[in-house]
Amino acid sequence: MKNITIENLEEKLRQAMLTSDVAVLDELIADDLVWTMHTGKVVNKQFDLEMHSSGMFKFTSLNISDRQIHIYGDCVVVTLKVDAAGIYNSQAFSEIYRFTRVWVQRQNRWQIVAGHVSQVIPL
């Protein structure tokens, strides 16, 4: 049952990322988020929401593959590969990334509390 719930939340997150729906992102991301960017910079929820609300960052496509869901009680770890395209700081990008997201259930609500993204470099 948790698999289905997390899969649904992951899709809701994907759609919110594509449309920069800050209200939905705010709902899905915990206030105490710790996120490590592909650059090594560690950011928080406010940074993520601001990037979307300001228009500085905009996804145009997010194609998911190789999603794996690992359940640990009230904690779920999701790993996935994403072929992403969009615009960052007025520059177009198209890259492949690996994401790890940690979802935790608090007060009957699942939210992302931590994560990491790495760029996939072809060999």
N, C-alpha and C. Protein backbone atom coordinates (compact mmCIF):
# COMPACT_ATOMS: atom_id res chain seq x y z
N MET A 1 0.82 -1.21 0.00
CA MET A 1 0.00 0.00 0.00
C MET A 1 0.86 1.27 0.00
N LYS A 2 1.97 1.27 0.76
CA LYS A 2 2.84 2.43 0.78
C LYS A 2 3.46 2.68 -0.60
N ASN A 3 3.76 1.58 -1.32
CA ASN A 3 4.30 1.72 -2.67
C ASN A 3 3.39 2.56 -3.54
N ILE A 4 2.09 2.25 -3.51
CA ILE A 4 1.11 2.97 -4.32
C ILE A 4 1.03 4.43 -3.88
N THR A 5 1.01 4.67 -2.58
CA THR A 5 0.95 6.03 -2.05
C THR A 5 2.16 6.83 -2.50
N ILE A 6 3.34 6.27 -2.34
CA ILE A 6 4.57 6.98 -2.71
C ILE A 6 4.64 7.18 -4.23
N GLU A 7 4.24 6.18 -5.00
CA GLU A 7 4.22 6.35 -6.46
C GLU A 7 3.31 7.51 -6.85
N ASN A 8 2.15 7.61 -6.21
CA ASN A 8 1.22 8.72 -6.48
C ASN A 8 1.83 10.06 -6.09
N LEU A 9 2.48 10.09 -4.93
CA LEU A 9 3.12 11.33 -4.48
C LEU A 9 4.29 11.72 -5.38
N GLU A 10 5.03 10.73 -5.84
CA GLU A 10 6.13 11.00 -6.77
C GLU A 10 5.61 11.61 -8.07
N GLU A 11 4.49 11.11 -8.57
CA GLU A 11 3.91 11.67 -9.79
C GLU A 11 3.37 13.08 -9.53
N LYS A 12 2.76 13.28 -8.37
CA LYS A 12 2.27 14.61 -8.00
C LYS A 12 3.45 15.59 -7.92
N LEU A 13 4.56 15.13 -7.37
CA LEU A 13 5.77 15.95 -7.29
C LEU A 13 6.29 16.28 -8.69
N ARG A 14 6.35 15.28 -9.57
CA ARG A 14 6.83 15.49 -10.94
C ARG A 14 5.99 16.56 -11.64
N GLN A 15 4.67 16.45 -11.52
CA GLN A 15 3.78 17.43 -12.15
C GLN A 15 3.99 18.82 -11.56
N ALA A 16 4.15 18.91 -10.25
CA ALA A 16 4.37 20.20 -9.59
C ALA A 16 5.70 20.81 -10.02
N MET A 17 6.72 19.96 -10.20
CA MET A 17 8.01 20.46 -10.66
C MET A 17 7.90 20.99 -12.09
N LEU A 18 7.14 20.29 -12.94
CA LEU A 18 6.97 20.71 -14.34
C LEU A 18 6.20 22.02 -14.46
N THR A 19 5.25 22.25 -13.58
CA THR A 19 4.42 23.44 -13.66
C THR A 19 4.83 24.53 -12.67
N SER A 20 5.90 24.27 -11.91
CA SER A 20 6.34 25.19 -10.85
C SER A 20 5.19 25.54 -9.92
N ASP A 21 4.42 24.53 -9.55
CA ASP A 21 3.28 24.69 -8.65
C ASP A 21 3.81 24.76 -7.22
N VAL A 22 4.10 25.97 -6.77
CA VAL A 22 4.74 26.17 -5.47
C VAL A 22 3.84 25.71 -4.32
N ALA A 23 2.53 25.82 -4.47
CA ALA A 23 1.62 25.38 -3.40
C ALA A 23 1.74 23.87 -3.19
N VAL A 24 1.78 23.11 -4.27
CA VAL A 24 1.92 21.66 -4.15
C VAL A 24 3.32 21.30 -3.66
N LEU A 25 4.34 21.97 -4.17
CA LEU A 25 5.70 21.71 -3.70
C LEU A 25 5.81 21.99 -2.20
N ASP A 26 5.18 23.07 -1.76
CA ASP A 26 5.18 23.43 -0.33
C ASP A 26 4.55 22.32 0.51
N GLU A 27 3.50 21.71 -0.03
CA GLU A 27 2.80 20.62 0.66
C GLU A 27 3.66 19.35 0.73
N LEU A 28 4.39 19.06 -0.33
CA LEU A 28 5.15 17.80 -0.41
C LEU A 28 6.53 17.85 0.22
N ILE A 29 7.07 19.06 0.39
CA ILE A 29 8.42 19.21 0.93
C ILE A 29 8.34 19.64 2.39
N ALA A 30 9.06 18.93 3.25
CA ALA A 30 9.07 19.25 4.68
C ALA A 30 9.78 20.58 4.92
N ASP A 31 9.33 21.29 5.96
CA ASP A 31 9.94 22.57 6.31
C ASP A 31 11.43 22.43 6.65
N ASP A 32 11.81 21.25 7.16
CA ASP A 32 13.20 21.03 7.57
C ASP A 32 14.01 20.26 6.52
N LEU A 33 13.61 20.38 5.25
CA LEU A 33 14.30 19.70 4.15
C LEU A 33 15.80 19.98 4.16
N VAL A 34 16.58 18.94 3.89
CA VAL A 34 18.02 19.06 3.63
C VAL A 34 18.26 18.42 2.27
N TRP A 35 18.66 19.23 1.29
CA TRP A 35 18.82 18.75 -0.08
C TRP A 35 20.22 19.08 -0.57
N THR A 36 20.91 18.08 -1.11
CA THR A 36 22.24 18.30 -1.68
C THR A 36 22.11 18.35 -3.20
N MET A 37 22.51 19.48 -3.76
CA MET A 37 22.45 19.70 -5.20
C MET A 37 23.56 18.94 -5.91
N HIS A 38 23.46 18.84 -7.23
CA HIS A 38 24.50 18.17 -8.02
C HIS A 38 25.84 18.90 -7.96
N THR A 39 25.81 20.15 -7.51
CA THR A 39 27.04 20.95 -7.36
C THR A 39 27.71 20.72 -6.01
N GLY A 40 26.99 20.03 -5.11
CA GLY A 40 27.50 19.84 -3.76
C GLY A 40 26.92 20.83 -2.77
N LYS A 41 26.26 21.87 -3.26
CA LYS A 41 25.64 22.87 -2.39
C LYS A 41 24.46 22.24 -1.66
N VAL A 42 24.34 22.50 -0.36
CA VAL A 42 23.21 22.01 0.43
C VAL A 42 22.20 23.15 0.56
N VAL A 43 20.95 22.86 0.18
CA VAL A 43 19.92 23.89 0.18
C VAL A 43 18.72 23.43 1.04
N ASN A 44 17.80 24.38 1.25
CA ASN A 44 16.62 24.08 2.06
C ASN A 44 15.34 24.28 1.25
N LYS A 45 14.23 24.11 1.92
CA LYS A 45 12.93 24.22 1.26
C LYS A 45 12.73 25.61 0.65
N GLN A 46 13.07 26.66 1.39
CA GLN A 46 12.86 28.02 0.89
C GLN A 46 13.61 28.26 -0.40
N PHE A 47 14.83 27.74 -0.48
CA PHE A 47 15.62 27.88 -1.71
C PHE A 47 14.88 27.22 -2.87
N ASP A 48 14.41 26.00 -2.66
CA ASP A 48 13.72 25.25 -3.71
C ASP A 48 12.47 26.00 -4.17
N LEU A 49 11.65 26.43 -3.23
CA LEU A 49 10.42 27.13 -3.59
C LEU A 49 10.71 28.45 -4.31
N GLU A 50 11.74 29.16 -3.85
CA GLU A 50 12.09 30.44 -4.46
C GLU A 50 12.57 30.25 -5.90
N MET A 51 13.32 29.20 -6.16
CA MET A 51 13.79 28.94 -7.53
C MET A 51 12.60 28.77 -8.48
N HIS A 52 11.55 28.08 -8.00
CA HIS A 52 10.37 27.87 -8.84
C HIS A 52 9.51 29.13 -8.93
N SER A 53 9.27 29.79 -7.80
CA SER A 53 8.36 30.95 -7.81
C SER A 53 8.96 32.15 -8.54
N SER A 54 10.27 32.29 -8.53
CA SER A 54 10.92 33.42 -9.19
C SER A 54 11.03 33.26 -10.70
N GLY A 55 10.86 32.02 -11.18
CA GLY A 55 11.03 31.75 -12.60
C GLY A 55 12.49 31.52 -12.97
N MET A 56 13.38 31.55 -11.99
CA MET A 56 14.82 31.32 -12.23
C MET A 56 15.06 29.91 -12.76
N PHE A 57 14.18 28.99 -12.33
CA PHE A 57 14.34 27.59 -12.69
C PHE A 57 13.01 27.07 -13.21
N LYS A 58 13.04 26.42 -14.38
CA LYS A 58 11.81 25.91 -14.97
C LYS A 58 12.11 24.62 -15.72
N PHE A 59 11.45 23.53 -15.31
CA PHE A 59 11.56 22.28 -16.04
C PHE A 59 10.60 22.31 -17.22
N THR A 60 11.04 21.78 -18.37
CA THR A 60 10.16 21.62 -19.52
C THR A 60 9.85 20.15 -19.77
N SER A 61 10.71 19.26 -19.27
CA SER A 61 10.40 17.83 -19.33
C SER A 61 11.15 17.10 -18.23
N LEU A 62 10.49 16.08 -17.71
CA LEU A 62 11.06 15.21 -16.67
C LEU A 62 10.63 13.78 -16.99
N ASN A 63 11.51 13.04 -17.63
CA ASN A 63 11.20 11.66 -17.98
C ASN A 63 11.88 10.73 -16.98
N ILE A 64 11.05 10.01 -16.23
CA ILE A 64 11.51 9.16 -15.13
C ILE A 64 11.75 7.74 -15.62
N SER A 65 12.83 7.15 -15.12
CA SER A 65 13.09 5.73 -15.37
C SER A 65 13.80 5.14 -14.15
N ASP A 66 13.84 3.84 -14.10
CA ASP A 66 14.57 3.11 -13.05
C ASP A 66 14.20 3.58 -11.64
N ARG A 67 12.89 3.79 -11.40
CA ARG A 67 12.45 4.18 -10.05
C ARG A 67 12.41 2.95 -9.16
N GLN A 68 13.02 3.07 -8.00
CA GLN A 68 12.97 2.02 -6.99
C GLN A 68 12.50 2.63 -5.68
N ILE A 69 11.61 1.91 -5.02
CA ILE A 69 11.05 2.38 -3.75
C ILE A 69 11.44 1.39 -2.67
N HIS A 70 12.10 1.92 -1.63
CA HIS A 70 12.57 1.10 -0.51
C HIS A 70 11.85 1.57 0.75
N ILE A 71 11.09 0.66 1.36
CA ILE A 71 10.26 1.00 2.52
C ILE A 71 10.94 0.59 3.81
N TYR A 72 11.02 1.56 4.75
CA TYR A 72 11.61 1.33 6.07
C TYR A 72 10.66 1.88 7.13
N GLY A 73 9.54 1.22 7.34
CA GLY A 73 8.56 1.71 8.32
C GLY A 73 7.93 3.00 7.86
N ASP A 74 8.08 4.06 8.67
CA ASP A 74 7.52 5.37 8.32
C ASP A 74 8.49 6.22 7.51
N CYS A 75 9.47 5.57 6.92
CA CYS A 75 10.46 6.24 6.07
C CYS A 75 10.56 5.46 4.76
N VAL A 76 10.56 6.16 3.66
CA VAL A 76 10.68 5.54 2.35
C VAL A 76 11.79 6.25 1.57
N VAL A 77 12.67 5.47 0.99
CA VAL A 77 13.74 6.01 0.15
C VAL A 77 13.41 5.67 -1.31
N VAL A 78 13.41 6.71 -2.13
CA VAL A 78 13.12 6.54 -3.56
C VAL A 78 14.38 6.92 -4.34
N THR A 79 14.77 6.04 -5.25
CA THR A 79 15.86 6.36 -6.16
C THR A 79 15.31 6.31 -7.57
N LEU A 80 15.78 7.19 -8.43
CA LEU A 80 15.29 7.22 -9.79
C LEU A 80 16.27 7.94 -10.70
N LYS A 81 16.09 7.69 -11.97
CA LYS A 81 16.88 8.35 -13.01
C LYS A 81 15.93 9.30 -13.73
N VAL A 82 16.40 10.49 -14.04
CA VAL A 82 15.55 11.48 -14.69
C VAL A 82 16.29 12.09 -15.88
N ASP A 83 15.65 12.04 -17.02
CA ASP A 83 16.12 12.76 -18.20
C ASP A 83 15.37 14.09 -18.14
N ALA A 84 16.10 15.15 -17.77
CA ALA A 84 15.46 16.44 -17.51
C ALA A 84 15.89 17.49 -18.51
N ALA A 85 14.95 18.36 -18.83
CA ALA A 85 15.26 19.52 -19.66
C ALA A 85 14.54 20.72 -19.07
N GLY A 86 15.10 21.89 -19.29
CA GLY A 86 14.48 23.09 -18.77
C GLY A 86 15.34 24.31 -18.99
N ILE A 87 15.07 25.31 -18.15
CA ILE A 87 15.80 26.58 -18.22
C ILE A 87 16.24 26.95 -16.81
N TYR A 88 17.51 27.26 -16.67
CA TYR A 88 18.05 27.74 -15.40
C TYR A 88 18.81 29.04 -15.68
N ASN A 89 18.38 30.09 -15.01
CA ASN A 89 19.04 31.39 -15.15
C ASN A 89 19.14 31.79 -16.63
N SER A 90 18.04 31.64 -17.34
CA SER A 90 17.89 31.99 -18.76
C SER A 90 18.70 31.10 -19.72
N GLN A 91 19.29 30.01 -19.22
CA GLN A 91 20.05 29.09 -20.06
C GLN A 91 19.33 27.75 -20.15
N ALA A 92 19.16 27.25 -21.35
CA ALA A 92 18.53 25.94 -21.55
C ALA A 92 19.48 24.84 -21.10
N PHE A 93 18.91 23.78 -20.56
CA PHE A 93 19.72 22.62 -20.19
C PHE A 93 18.95 21.35 -20.54
N SER A 94 19.70 20.28 -20.75
CA SER A 94 19.14 18.96 -20.97
C SER A 94 20.18 17.97 -20.47
N GLU A 95 19.88 17.34 -19.34
CA GLU A 95 20.84 16.47 -18.67
C GLU A 95 20.12 15.25 -18.09
N ILE A 96 20.92 14.26 -17.73
CA ILE A 96 20.39 13.09 -17.04
C ILE A 96 20.90 13.14 -15.60
N TYR A 97 19.98 12.91 -14.67
CA TYR A 97 20.31 12.98 -13.24
C TYR A 97 19.86 11.72 -12.53
N ARG A 98 20.47 11.45 -11.40
CA ARG A 98 20.04 10.42 -10.45
C ARG A 98 19.59 11.15 -9.19
N PHE A 99 18.40 10.82 -8.74
CA PHE A 99 17.85 11.40 -7.53
C PHE A 99 17.71 10.35 -6.44
N THR A 100 17.92 10.75 -5.23
CA THR A 100 17.55 9.97 -4.04
C THR A 100 16.69 10.90 -3.20
N ARG A 101 15.48 10.44 -2.86
CA ARG A 101 14.58 11.23 -2.01
C ARG A 101 14.19 10.41 -0.80
N VAL A 102 14.14 11.05 0.35
CA VAL A 102 13.71 10.40 1.58
C VAL A 102 12.36 11.00 1.97
N TRP A 103 11.34 10.15 1.97
CA TRP A 103 9.99 10.53 2.38
C TRP A 103 9.76 10.02 3.80
N VAL A 104 9.18 10.85 4.65
CA VAL A 104 8.86 10.46 6.02
C VAL A 104 7.39 10.78 6.27
N GLN A 105 6.75 9.87 6.98
CA GLN A 105 5.35 10.10 7.34
C GLN A 105 5.30 10.73 8.73
N ARG A 106 4.71 11.91 8.79
CA ARG A 106 4.53 12.65 10.05
C ARG A 106 3.07 13.11 10.10
N GLN A 107 2.41 12.87 11.20
CA GLN A 107 1.02 13.31 11.37
C GLN A 107 0.17 12.92 10.16
N ASN A 108 0.28 11.64 9.75
CA ASN A 108 -0.47 11.08 8.62
C ASN A 108 -0.24 11.78 7.28
N ARG A 109 0.92 12.39 7.12
CA ARG A 109 1.24 13.07 5.87
C ARG A 109 2.67 12.74 5.46
N TRP A 110 2.85 12.33 4.22
CA TRP A 110 4.18 12.03 3.67
C TRP A 110 4.80 13.29 3.11
N GLN A 111 6.07 13.54 3.48
CA GLN A 111 6.81 14.67 2.94
C GLN A 111 8.26 14.28 2.70
N ILE A 112 8.90 14.99 1.79
CA ILE A 112 10.32 14.78 1.52
C ILE A 112 11.11 15.56 2.57
N VAL A 113 12.00 14.85 3.27
CA VAL A 113 12.81 15.47 4.31
C VAL A 113 14.27 15.63 3.90
N ALA A 114 14.71 14.81 2.93
CA ALA A 114 16.10 14.87 2.51
C ALA A 114 16.24 14.31 1.11
N GLY A 115 17.32 14.69 0.46
CA GLY A 115 17.57 14.14 -0.85
C GLY A 115 18.89 14.58 -1.41
N HIS A 116 19.18 14.02 -2.57
CA HIS A 116 20.44 14.28 -3.25
C HIS A 116 20.21 14.09 -4.73
N VAL A 117 20.86 14.89 -5.53
CA VAL A 117 20.81 14.75 -6.97
C VAL A 117 22.23 14.78 -7.52
N SER A 118 22.51 13.88 -8.44
CA SER A 118 23.82 13.83 -9.11
C SER A 118 23.61 13.78 -10.61
N GLN A 119 24.45 14.49 -11.31
CA GLN A 119 24.39 14.45 -12.77
C GLN A 119 25.04 13.15 -13.23
N VAL A 120 24.41 12.49 -14.20
CA VAL A 120 24.95 11.27 -14.78
C VAL A 120 25.88 11.69 -15.93
N ILE A 121 27.12 11.32 -15.81
CA ILE A 121 28.12 11.64 -16.83
C ILE A 121 28.37 10.39 -17.68
N PRO A 122 28.12 10.48 -18.99
CA PRO A 122 28.37 9.30 -19.85
C PRO A 122 29.85 8.92 -19.83
N LEU A 123 30.11 7.63 -19.84
CA LEU A 123 31.50 7.16 -19.85
C LEU A 123 32.12 7.29 -21.21
